[in-house]
Protein backbone atom coordinates (compact mmCIF):
# COMPACT_ATOMS: atom_id res chain seq x y z
CA MET A 1 10.86 -16.44 -47.49
CA THR A 2 10.55 -17.61 -51.14
CA THR A 3 6.83 -18.18 -50.62
CA ILE A 4 6.37 -14.62 -49.39
CA ALA A 5 8.35 -13.28 -52.30
CA LYS A 6 6.04 -15.09 -54.70
CA TRP A 7 3.03 -13.63 -52.89
CA LEU A 8 4.47 -10.14 -53.12
CA ASP A 9 4.97 -10.61 -56.88
CA ARG A 10 1.40 -11.88 -57.27
CA LEU A 11 0.06 -8.86 -55.38
CA ARG A 12 2.11 -6.47 -57.51
CA ASN A 13 1.04 -8.06 -60.80
CA LYS A 14 -2.58 -8.78 -59.85
CA GLN A 15 -5.10 -6.83 -61.89
CA VAL A 16 -7.63 -5.22 -59.56
CA PRO A 17 -10.76 -3.22 -60.36
CA ALA A 18 -10.21 0.48 -60.76
CA SER A 19 -11.26 1.28 -57.21
CA PRO A 20 -9.40 3.50 -54.72
CA TRP A 21 -10.36 1.12 -51.90
CA SER A 22 -8.99 -1.98 -53.67
CA GLU A 23 -5.83 -0.15 -54.61
CA HIS A 24 -5.38 1.00 -51.01
CA ARG A 25 -5.81 -2.54 -49.61
CA ARG A 26 -3.29 -3.98 -52.08
CA ASN A 27 -0.71 -1.28 -51.42
CA GLU A 28 -1.18 -1.64 -47.67
CA ALA A 29 -0.55 -5.39 -47.90
CA LEU A 30 2.56 -4.86 -50.08
CA GLU A 31 4.04 -2.38 -47.63
CA LEU A 32 3.44 -4.46 -44.50
CA LEU A 33 4.51 -7.79 -45.98
CA LYS A 34 7.68 -6.30 -47.43
CA ASN A 35 8.88 -5.34 -43.93
CA ALA A 36 7.75 -8.50 -42.12
CA ASN A 37 10.90 -10.41 -41.16
CA SER A 38 10.33 -12.08 -37.78
CA LYS A 39 8.07 -14.64 -36.14
CA GLU A 40 6.61 -12.01 -33.81
CA THR A 41 5.70 -9.83 -36.77
CA TRP A 42 3.89 -12.66 -38.53
CA VAL A 43 1.96 -13.55 -35.37
CA GLU A 44 0.91 -9.92 -35.09
CA LEU A 45 -0.02 -9.69 -38.79
CA SER A 46 -2.18 -12.82 -38.49
CA THR A 47 -4.77 -10.67 -36.71
CA HIS A 48 -4.69 -7.79 -39.23
CA TYR A 49 -8.02 -6.59 -40.59
CA ASN A 50 -6.75 -6.96 -44.18
CA GLY A 51 -7.54 -10.49 -45.40
CA PHE A 52 -4.62 -10.50 -47.87
CA ILE A 53 -2.23 -9.90 -44.99
CA ARG A 54 -3.80 -12.51 -42.70
CA GLU A 55 -3.61 -15.10 -45.48
CA VAL A 56 0.07 -14.53 -46.11
CA ALA A 57 0.76 -14.52 -42.36
CA VAL A 58 -0.95 -17.89 -41.97
CA ARG A 59 1.07 -19.35 -44.84
CA GLU A 60 4.32 -18.09 -43.34
CA LEU A 61 3.44 -19.33 -39.82
CA SER A 62 2.65 -22.77 -41.23
CA ASN A 63 6.20 -22.95 -42.60
CA HIS A 64 7.81 -22.06 -39.25
CA PRO A 65 6.19 -24.17 -36.50
CA SER A 66 6.40 -22.93 -32.93
CA PRO A 67 4.10 -22.77 -29.88
CA GLU A 68 3.43 -19.08 -30.59
CA ALA A 69 2.64 -19.85 -34.22
CA LEU A 70 0.21 -22.54 -33.09
CA VAL A 71 -1.70 -20.04 -30.94
CA ALA A 72 -2.02 -17.71 -33.93
CA LEU A 73 -3.18 -20.57 -36.18
CA ILE A 74 -5.81 -21.66 -33.63
CA ASN A 75 -7.23 -18.15 -33.63
CA ARG A 76 -7.38 -18.20 -37.43
CA LEU A 77 -9.33 -21.49 -37.38
CA ASN A 78 -12.28 -19.25 -36.60
CA ASP A 79 -11.44 -16.53 -39.14
CA TRP A 80 -14.35 -14.86 -40.91
CA VAL A 81 -12.75 -15.64 -44.30
CA PRO A 82 -13.31 -19.32 -45.25
CA GLN A 83 -10.09 -19.57 -47.27
CA ILE A 84 -8.03 -18.45 -44.26
CA ARG A 85 -9.82 -20.96 -42.02
CA ASP A 86 -8.97 -23.73 -44.48
CA LEU A 87 -5.30 -22.70 -44.63
CA ALA A 88 -5.10 -22.61 -40.82
CA LEU A 89 -6.71 -26.06 -40.60
CA VAL A 90 -4.15 -27.54 -42.99
CA ALA A 91 -1.32 -25.95 -40.97
CA MET A 92 -2.88 -27.24 -37.76
CA ASN A 93 -2.46 -30.85 -38.90
CA HIS A 94 1.30 -30.51 -38.45
CA TYR A 95 0.79 -30.15 -34.70
CA LEU A 96 -1.44 -33.21 -34.29
CA SER A 97 1.38 -35.50 -33.28
CA THR A 98 3.05 -36.46 -30.01
CA SER A 99 6.23 -34.64 -31.09
CA GLN A 100 4.31 -31.37 -30.68
CA THR A 101 3.06 -32.07 -27.14
CA GLN A 102 4.68 -29.01 -25.60
CA ALA A 103 3.24 -26.75 -28.30
CA LEU A 104 -0.25 -28.17 -27.75
CA LEU A 105 0.06 -27.69 -23.98
CA PHE A 106 1.32 -24.13 -24.55
CA ALA A 107 -1.79 -23.41 -26.63
CA LEU A 108 -4.22 -25.20 -24.34
CA GLU A 109 -6.29 -22.16 -23.38
CA PRO A 110 -6.89 -20.98 -26.97
CA LEU A 111 -7.80 -24.55 -27.88
CA MET A 112 -10.40 -24.70 -25.12
CA ALA A 113 -11.77 -21.32 -26.17
CA LEU A 114 -12.14 -22.67 -29.72
CA ALA A 115 -14.91 -24.98 -28.52
CA ALA A 116 -17.20 -21.98 -27.99
CA ARG A 117 -16.56 -20.43 -31.42
CA GLN A 118 -19.02 -21.31 -34.13
CA ARG A 119 -17.95 -19.97 -37.51
CA ALA A 120 -16.98 -23.52 -38.37
CA ASP A 121 -17.24 -27.00 -36.87
CA HIS A 122 -14.15 -27.28 -34.68
CA GLY A 123 -15.22 -30.59 -33.15
CA PRO A 124 -12.96 -32.82 -35.28
CA THR A 125 -9.93 -30.64 -34.54
CA LEU A 126 -10.56 -30.67 -30.80
CA ILE A 127 -11.10 -34.44 -30.82
CA SER A 128 -7.79 -34.91 -32.65
CA VAL A 129 -6.00 -32.75 -30.09
CA CYS A 130 -7.59 -34.75 -27.29
CA ASP A 131 -6.46 -38.01 -28.88
CA VAL A 132 -2.88 -36.77 -29.14
CA LEU A 133 -2.75 -35.61 -25.51
CA GLN A 134 -4.17 -38.95 -24.37
CA SER A 135 -1.44 -40.93 -26.15
CA PRO A 136 0.20 -43.32 -23.66
CA GLU A 137 3.76 -42.32 -24.56
CA ILE A 138 3.28 -38.69 -23.46
CA GLN A 139 1.19 -39.20 -20.32
CA GLY A 140 4.15 -38.21 -18.14
CA GLU A 141 4.50 -34.87 -19.93
CA VAL A 142 0.79 -34.11 -19.74
CA TYR A 143 0.63 -35.16 -16.07
CA ALA A 144 3.58 -32.92 -15.16
CA ASN A 145 1.91 -30.01 -16.93
CA PHE A 146 -1.37 -30.73 -15.13
CA LEU A 147 0.34 -30.35 -11.74
CA THR A 148 1.39 -26.78 -12.60
CA ARG A 149 -1.92 -25.63 -14.06
CA GLN A 150 -4.77 -23.64 -12.56
CA GLY A 151 -8.33 -22.82 -13.54
CA LYS A 152 -10.05 -24.23 -16.60
CA ALA A 153 -6.84 -25.68 -18.04
CA ALA A 154 -6.26 -27.75 -14.90
CA ARG A 155 -9.82 -29.08 -14.99
CA TYR A 156 -9.49 -29.93 -18.70
CA LEU A 157 -6.24 -31.85 -18.24
CA PHE A 158 -7.60 -33.70 -15.21
CA ALA A 159 -10.64 -34.88 -17.17
CA LEU A 160 -8.37 -35.78 -20.09
CA LEU A 161 -6.01 -37.84 -17.94
CA LEU A 162 -8.81 -39.52 -16.02
CA GLU A 163 -10.89 -40.54 -19.03
CA LYS A 164 -8.67 -43.40 -20.22
CA ASN A 165 -6.81 -44.12 -16.99
CA THR A 166 -7.31 -47.72 -15.92
CA ALA A 167 -5.46 -47.26 -12.60
CA PRO A 168 -6.42 -43.75 -11.51
CA GLU A 169 -5.38 -43.90 -7.83
CA ALA A 170 -2.11 -41.97 -8.31
CA LEU A 171 -3.81 -39.34 -10.47
CA LEU A 172 -6.65 -38.92 -7.99
CA ARG A 173 -4.24 -38.65 -5.06
CA SER A 174 -2.46 -35.78 -6.83
CA ALA A 175 -5.76 -34.19 -7.88
CA LEU A 176 -7.08 -34.28 -4.30
CA ALA A 177 -4.03 -32.25 -3.25
CA HIS A 178 -3.97 -29.99 -6.33
CA ARG A 179 -3.73 -26.23 -5.81
CA GLU A 180 -6.81 -25.70 -8.00
CA LEU A 181 -9.94 -25.93 -5.83
CA THR A 182 -12.24 -27.07 -8.62
CA VAL A 183 -9.87 -29.91 -9.53
CA ARG A 184 -9.98 -31.15 -5.94
CA LEU A 185 -13.78 -31.04 -5.97
CA ALA A 186 -13.86 -32.95 -9.26
CA ALA A 187 -11.46 -35.52 -7.78
CA VAL A 188 -13.82 -36.07 -4.83
CA SER A 189 -16.63 -36.83 -7.26
CA ALA A 190 -14.35 -39.17 -9.22
CA CYS A 191 -13.42 -41.05 -6.03
CA GLN A 192 -17.08 -41.84 -5.46
CA GLU A 193 -17.05 -43.85 -8.69
CA LEU A 194 -14.30 -46.14 -7.38
CA PRO A 195 -14.77 -49.30 -5.33
CA VAL A 196 -14.92 -48.65 -1.57
CA ALA A 197 -11.53 -50.27 -0.94
CA GLN A 198 -9.87 -47.81 -3.34
CA ALA A 199 -11.89 -44.69 -2.51
CA SER A 200 -11.70 -44.80 1.30
CA PRO A 201 -7.89 -44.42 1.67
CA LEU A 202 -7.82 -41.61 -0.89
CA LEU A 203 -10.61 -39.68 0.83
CA LEU A 204 -9.15 -40.21 4.30
CA GLU A 205 -5.85 -38.81 3.08
CA ALA A 206 -7.61 -35.84 1.43
CA LEU A 207 -9.39 -35.02 4.69
CA SER A 208 -6.10 -33.79 6.11
CA GLN A 209 -5.55 -31.32 3.27
CA PRO A 210 -6.33 -27.61 3.83
CA GLY A 211 -9.49 -26.06 2.39
CA ALA A 212 -12.78 -26.42 4.25
CA LYS A 213 -14.91 -26.33 1.10
CA VAL A 214 -13.19 -29.43 -0.24
CA ARG A 215 -12.86 -31.17 3.13
CA VAL A 216 -16.58 -30.96 3.82
CA CYS A 217 -17.23 -32.61 0.44
CA VAL A 218 -14.65 -35.26 1.27
CA LEU A 219 -16.31 -35.95 4.62
CA ARG A 220 -19.74 -36.14 3.02
CA ALA A 221 -18.43 -38.63 0.45
CA LEU A 222 -16.46 -40.65 3.00
CA LEU A 223 -19.04 -41.23 5.74
CA PRO A 224 -21.28 -43.62 3.72
CA LEU A 225 -18.23 -45.71 2.82
CA LEU A 226 -17.21 -46.47 6.41
CA ASP A 227 -18.64 -49.37 8.38
CA ASN A 228 -18.21 -47.45 11.63
CA PRO A 229 -17.80 -43.69 11.14
CA ARG A 230 -18.13 -42.80 14.85
CA GLN A 231 -14.45 -42.12 15.46
CA LEU A 232 -14.24 -39.93 12.36
CA LEU A 233 -17.30 -37.99 13.49
CA ARG A 234 -15.82 -37.44 16.94
CA GLN A 235 -12.75 -35.93 15.30
CA ALA A 236 -14.85 -33.84 12.92
CA LEU A 237 -16.89 -32.40 15.80
CA LEU A 238 -13.70 -30.78 17.11
CA ASP A 239 -12.49 -29.60 13.70
CA ALA A 240 -11.44 -25.97 13.29
CA SER A 241 -13.78 -25.53 10.32
CA PRO A 242 -17.40 -24.53 11.13
CA SER A 243 -18.66 -26.31 8.00
CA ILE A 244 -16.99 -29.58 9.01
CA ARG A 245 -18.43 -29.31 12.53
CA SER A 246 -21.87 -28.52 11.12
CA LEU A 247 -21.88 -31.65 8.96
CA ALA A 248 -20.57 -33.74 11.87
CA ARG A 249 -23.29 -32.43 14.21
CA PHE A 250 -25.90 -33.29 11.58
CA GLU A 251 -24.60 -36.85 11.17
CA ALA A 252 -23.82 -37.49 14.84
CA PRO A 253 -27.36 -38.50 15.99
CA ARG A 254 -27.65 -40.96 13.11
CA ASN A 255 -24.49 -42.69 14.28
CA ASN A 256 -25.18 -42.58 18.05
CA VAL A 257 -22.53 -39.95 18.75
CA ASP A 258 -23.25 -37.59 21.68
CA THR A 259 -21.80 -34.21 20.70
CA LEU A 260 -21.94 -32.80 24.23
CA ALA A 261 -20.15 -35.87 25.57
CA VAL A 262 -17.42 -35.38 22.96
CA LEU A 263 -16.94 -31.79 24.12
CA SER A 264 -16.96 -32.76 27.81
CA GLU A 265 -14.37 -35.46 27.23
CA ARG A 266 -12.10 -33.00 25.44
CA VAL A 267 -12.27 -30.26 28.07
CA ASN A 268 -11.32 -32.78 30.75
CA GLN A 269 -7.96 -33.14 29.01
CA ASP A 270 -5.10 -30.65 28.72
CA VAL A 271 -5.77 -27.30 27.07
CA PRO A 272 -4.81 -27.14 23.38
CA THR A 273 -1.48 -25.82 22.23
CA GLY A 274 -2.29 -25.22 18.55
CA LYS A 275 -4.65 -22.74 16.94
CA ARG A 276 -6.78 -25.31 15.11
CA ASP A 277 -7.32 -27.36 18.27
CA TRP A 278 -8.41 -24.23 20.11
CA LEU A 279 -10.81 -23.19 17.36
CA GLY A 280 -12.39 -26.64 17.29
CA VAL A 281 -13.14 -26.73 21.02
CA LEU A 282 -14.27 -23.09 21.25
CA GLY A 283 -16.36 -23.40 18.10
CA LEU A 284 -18.19 -26.53 19.27
CA ALA A 285 -18.81 -24.99 22.68
CA ALA A 286 -20.36 -21.93 21.04
CA GLU A 287 -22.54 -24.05 18.74
CA LEU A 288 -23.81 -26.14 21.67
CA ASN A 289 -24.22 -23.08 23.95
CA ALA A 290 -22.05 -24.91 26.46
CA GLU A 291 -20.11 -23.15 29.21
CA LEU A 292 -16.39 -23.77 29.30
CA ASP A 293 -14.32 -24.05 32.43
CA GLU A 294 -12.88 -20.71 33.55
CA ARG A 295 -9.36 -22.08 33.18
CA TRP A 296 -9.98 -22.79 29.50
CA LEU A 297 -11.42 -19.35 28.81
CA THR A 298 -8.55 -17.65 30.62
CA GLU A 299 -5.99 -19.55 28.59
CA ALA A 300 -7.88 -18.85 25.35
CA LEU A 301 -8.04 -15.12 26.08
CA ARG A 302 -4.27 -15.12 26.59
CA SER A 303 -3.59 -16.95 23.34
CA SER A 304 -1.13 -15.44 20.89
CA TYR A 305 -3.63 -16.15 18.08
CA SER A 306 -6.19 -13.38 17.53
CA THR A 307 -8.68 -15.88 16.05
CA VAL A 308 -8.57 -17.88 19.29
CA ARG A 309 -9.05 -14.75 21.42
CA HIS A 310 -11.95 -13.72 19.19
CA ALA A 311 -13.65 -17.11 19.63
CA ALA A 312 -13.09 -16.93 23.40
CA VAL A 313 -14.61 -13.45 23.69
CA ARG A 314 -17.75 -14.71 21.97
CA LEU A 315 -18.10 -17.34 24.70
CA LEU A 316 -17.91 -14.90 27.61
CA GLY A 317 -21.11 -14.75 29.65
CA ASP A 318 -22.98 -11.99 31.43
CA ASP A 319 -21.02 -12.61 34.62
CA GLN A 320 -17.66 -12.04 32.91
CA LEU A 321 -17.79 -8.30 32.31
CA PRO A 322 -14.20 -7.67 33.52
CA GLU A 323 -12.93 -9.99 30.79
CA LEU A 324 -15.07 -8.20 28.19
CA PHE A 325 -13.73 -4.80 29.25
CA GLU A 326 -10.19 -6.19 29.15
CA ALA A 327 -10.82 -7.37 25.58
CA LEU A 328 -11.39 -3.74 24.58
CA ASP A 329 -7.61 -3.33 24.88
CA ASP A 330 -6.89 -6.18 22.47
CA PRO A 331 -4.67 -5.12 19.54
CA SER A 332 -6.88 -7.07 17.11
CA ASP A 333 -9.77 -5.02 15.73
CA LYS A 334 -11.77 -8.22 15.28
CA VAL A 335 -11.46 -9.09 18.97
CA PHE A 336 -12.27 -5.49 19.90
CA ARG A 337 -15.46 -5.54 17.79
CA ALA A 338 -16.51 -8.86 19.33
CA ALA A 339 -16.12 -7.34 22.81
CA VAL A 340 -18.14 -4.26 21.79
CA THR A 341 -20.90 -6.49 20.37
CA ALA A 342 -21.04 -8.51 23.60
CA LEU A 343 -21.09 -5.39 25.81
CA ASP A 344 -23.84 -3.87 23.68
CA LYS A 345 -26.12 -6.74 24.73
CA GLN A 346 -25.63 -6.03 28.44
CA PRO A 347 -27.97 -3.84 30.53
CA TRP A 348 -26.89 -0.22 30.74
CA THR A 349 -26.69 -0.33 34.52
CA SER A 350 -24.18 -3.20 34.35
CA VAL A 351 -21.73 -1.53 31.99
CA ARG A 352 -22.08 2.16 32.89
CA THR A 353 -19.28 2.32 35.43
CA GLY A 354 -16.90 0.23 33.35
CA LEU A 355 -17.46 2.35 30.25
CA ASP A 356 -16.86 5.57 32.17
CA GLU A 357 -13.63 4.22 33.62
CA LYS A 358 -12.43 3.04 30.23
CA LEU A 359 -13.16 6.37 28.54
CA ASP A 360 -11.72 8.40 31.44
CA LEU A 361 -8.49 6.44 31.32
CA ASP A 362 -7.89 5.97 27.60
CA TRP A 363 -9.83 8.68 25.71
CA ARG A 364 -6.78 10.35 24.18
CA GLU A 365 -4.88 7.08 23.53
CA LEU A 366 -7.80 5.42 21.74
CA SER A 367 -8.09 5.65 17.97
CA THR A 368 -11.06 7.65 16.70
CA THR A 369 -12.81 4.48 15.54
CA ARG A 370 -12.42 2.69 18.86
CA ARG A 371 -13.29 5.76 20.89
CA GLN A 372 -16.56 6.25 19.03
CA ALA A 373 -17.40 2.55 19.23
CA ILE A 374 -17.02 2.58 23.02
CA LEU A 375 -18.87 5.88 23.40
CA GLN A 376 -21.76 4.50 21.32
CA LEU A 377 -22.22 1.71 23.84
CA LYS A 378 -23.84 4.42 25.94
CA PRO A 379 -27.46 5.42 25.19
CA GLY A 380 -27.68 8.48 22.93
CA TRP A 381 -28.14 11.22 25.51
CA GLN A 382 -25.75 9.58 27.93
CA GLN A 383 -23.01 10.06 25.36
CA VAL A 384 -23.29 13.82 25.39
CA ALA A 385 -23.84 13.75 29.15
CA TYR A 386 -20.41 12.16 29.49
CA LEU A 387 -18.81 14.74 27.17
CA LEU A 388 -20.41 17.66 29.03
CA GLU A 389 -19.22 16.23 32.33
CA ARG A 390 -15.66 16.06 31.03
CA LEU A 391 -16.05 19.66 29.84
CA ASP A 392 -17.07 20.75 33.34
CA THR A 393 -14.35 18.80 35.15
CA GLU A 394 -11.44 19.69 32.86
CA PRO A 395 -11.49 23.46 32.29
CA VAL A 396 -7.86 23.42 31.16
CA ALA A 397 -8.93 21.30 28.17
CA LYS A 398 -12.08 23.33 27.48
CA ALA A 399 -11.36 23.83 23.76
CA PHE A 400 -10.74 20.11 23.26
CA TRP A 401 -13.98 19.00 24.94
CA LEU A 402 -16.02 21.73 23.21
CA ARG A 403 -14.79 20.30 19.93
CA GLN A 404 -15.80 16.79 21.04
CA VAL A 405 -19.30 18.00 22.00
CA GLU A 406 -19.70 19.80 18.68
CA GLN A 407 -18.55 16.76 16.72
CA TRP A 408 -20.99 14.57 18.64
CA CYS A 409 -23.85 16.97 17.83
CA ASP A 410 -22.83 17.03 14.18
CA ARG A 411 -23.02 13.22 13.98
CA GLN A 412 -26.56 12.99 15.33
CA TYR A 413 -29.70 12.82 13.26
CA GLN A 414 -32.41 11.18 15.34
CA ILE A 415 -31.52 10.15 18.88
CA VAL A 416 -33.20 6.97 20.09
CA ASP A 417 -32.66 6.63 23.85
CA PRO A 418 -35.08 4.64 26.01
CA VAL A 419 -32.85 4.98 29.08
CA THR A 420 -32.37 8.70 29.73
CA SER A 421 -35.32 10.30 31.53
CA LYS A 422 -37.19 13.26 30.09
CA ILE A 423 -36.01 15.49 32.92
CA GLU A 424 -32.36 14.60 32.36
CA ARG A 425 -32.75 15.20 28.62
CA GLY A 426 -34.14 18.66 29.33
CA VAL A 427 -31.13 19.51 31.48
CA LEU A 428 -28.74 18.36 28.75
CA VAL A 429 -30.62 20.32 26.07
CA LYS A 430 -30.36 23.51 28.15
CA LYS A 431 -26.61 23.01 28.53
CA LEU A 432 -26.19 22.58 24.79
CA GLN A 433 -28.33 25.62 24.06
CA GLY A 434 -26.30 27.65 26.55
CA LEU A 435 -23.06 26.68 24.83
CA ALA A 436 -24.57 27.59 21.44
CA ALA A 437 -25.88 30.92 22.75
CA GLY A 438 -22.39 31.74 23.98
CA GLY A 439 -20.94 30.99 20.55
CA LEU A 440 -18.91 28.07 21.90
CA ILE A 441 -20.49 25.53 19.56
CA ARG A 442 -22.52 25.91 16.37
CA SER A 443 -26.15 26.79 17.01
CA ASP A 444 -27.46 25.14 13.81
CA ILE A 445 -26.43 21.63 14.82
CA VAL A 446 -27.81 22.10 18.32
CA ALA A 447 -31.12 23.29 16.86
CA ARG A 448 -31.28 20.21 14.68
CA ILE A 449 -31.05 17.70 17.53
CA VAL A 450 -33.29 19.48 20.06
CA ARG A 451 -36.17 20.34 17.75
């Protein structure tokens, strides 16, 4: 702390203009610096608005190297006071050696951010840092750090390691399996620069990694490298990922692969046991508008995976209404919504009986969301017709059904119903008006929907 003591003496003895502001700044610096006695304090003071304080903090941090001190010095490389920038740059030179690798890696994000700051030319500093991190003797340290990184830092280290790597296969293999998506995408592009004999095994291995966005890029890069890609395309056509299947269907005609024949061959084998196998077969069948054997659909609808049941429901045809109604009981909301969407496309005469039976049986057990979704499968006026019928047939629950009728009326704004006849509408309107006249439901909401 001898340096700081000298600075305190200089501040005390320095002659300043007779200005309250100057006197205040000097006294403020004296007070803060006198009590600064730890590394954390100096790091904090390095961002102080008072230039005297920042200058002393930079000098002190330069005498006590540490990763945290390096981060503070990097920030001061872009200080608005030129003298402080110069001091920070001199202190920075201490870290430009392989012995400070861990400190440089600790401060990697501030270093990358420095590239966008323009109060001074930081190019030489960043080049020097890059040269240090590319030193052969520390490649193991940098590589190990790269494997733990995410985001921009991971991309930076990958580019750094790749730039001067004369045998990049091991690096690319790790990058293709890296947890950072953008690193994997960059590795796919890097593989395309390699000779075919080196790139093909790496890309084939990467194709088995999770992540459809990367895998579709891998497949797109791999296909031109193969002498005979037909077998790979046949596998890709039955992939669980829609994007992989889409690319495979696009490339199949160019390589004399019959997509429908691939599907037919698969369904003539045993039913899948895994989720991904199921999703591949069901997905391709949906994309080709192909009908699956009833045995396959039955097994898919009984699957323990909700995604498989959802895909199977979307394949059900017009002649499979019982299965669609059964899917309304599925615990998965996604499967339930798929069944509702499919039933909504059916003619009203085909689903009327099934909807009535479902609502009669499960009205009170259904959640509000599911109950309304099923009720809305009926044309507008048929919904209130059903509620009024329940009101007539269950007098012991009169209050409950009156509340349901009133809530239905309150939800309506403009009823579009091409199914219910004008005569039947008139009968329903009279019933509603009668209930309103008797004070059983609100007259204002009835008036709104019958006007």
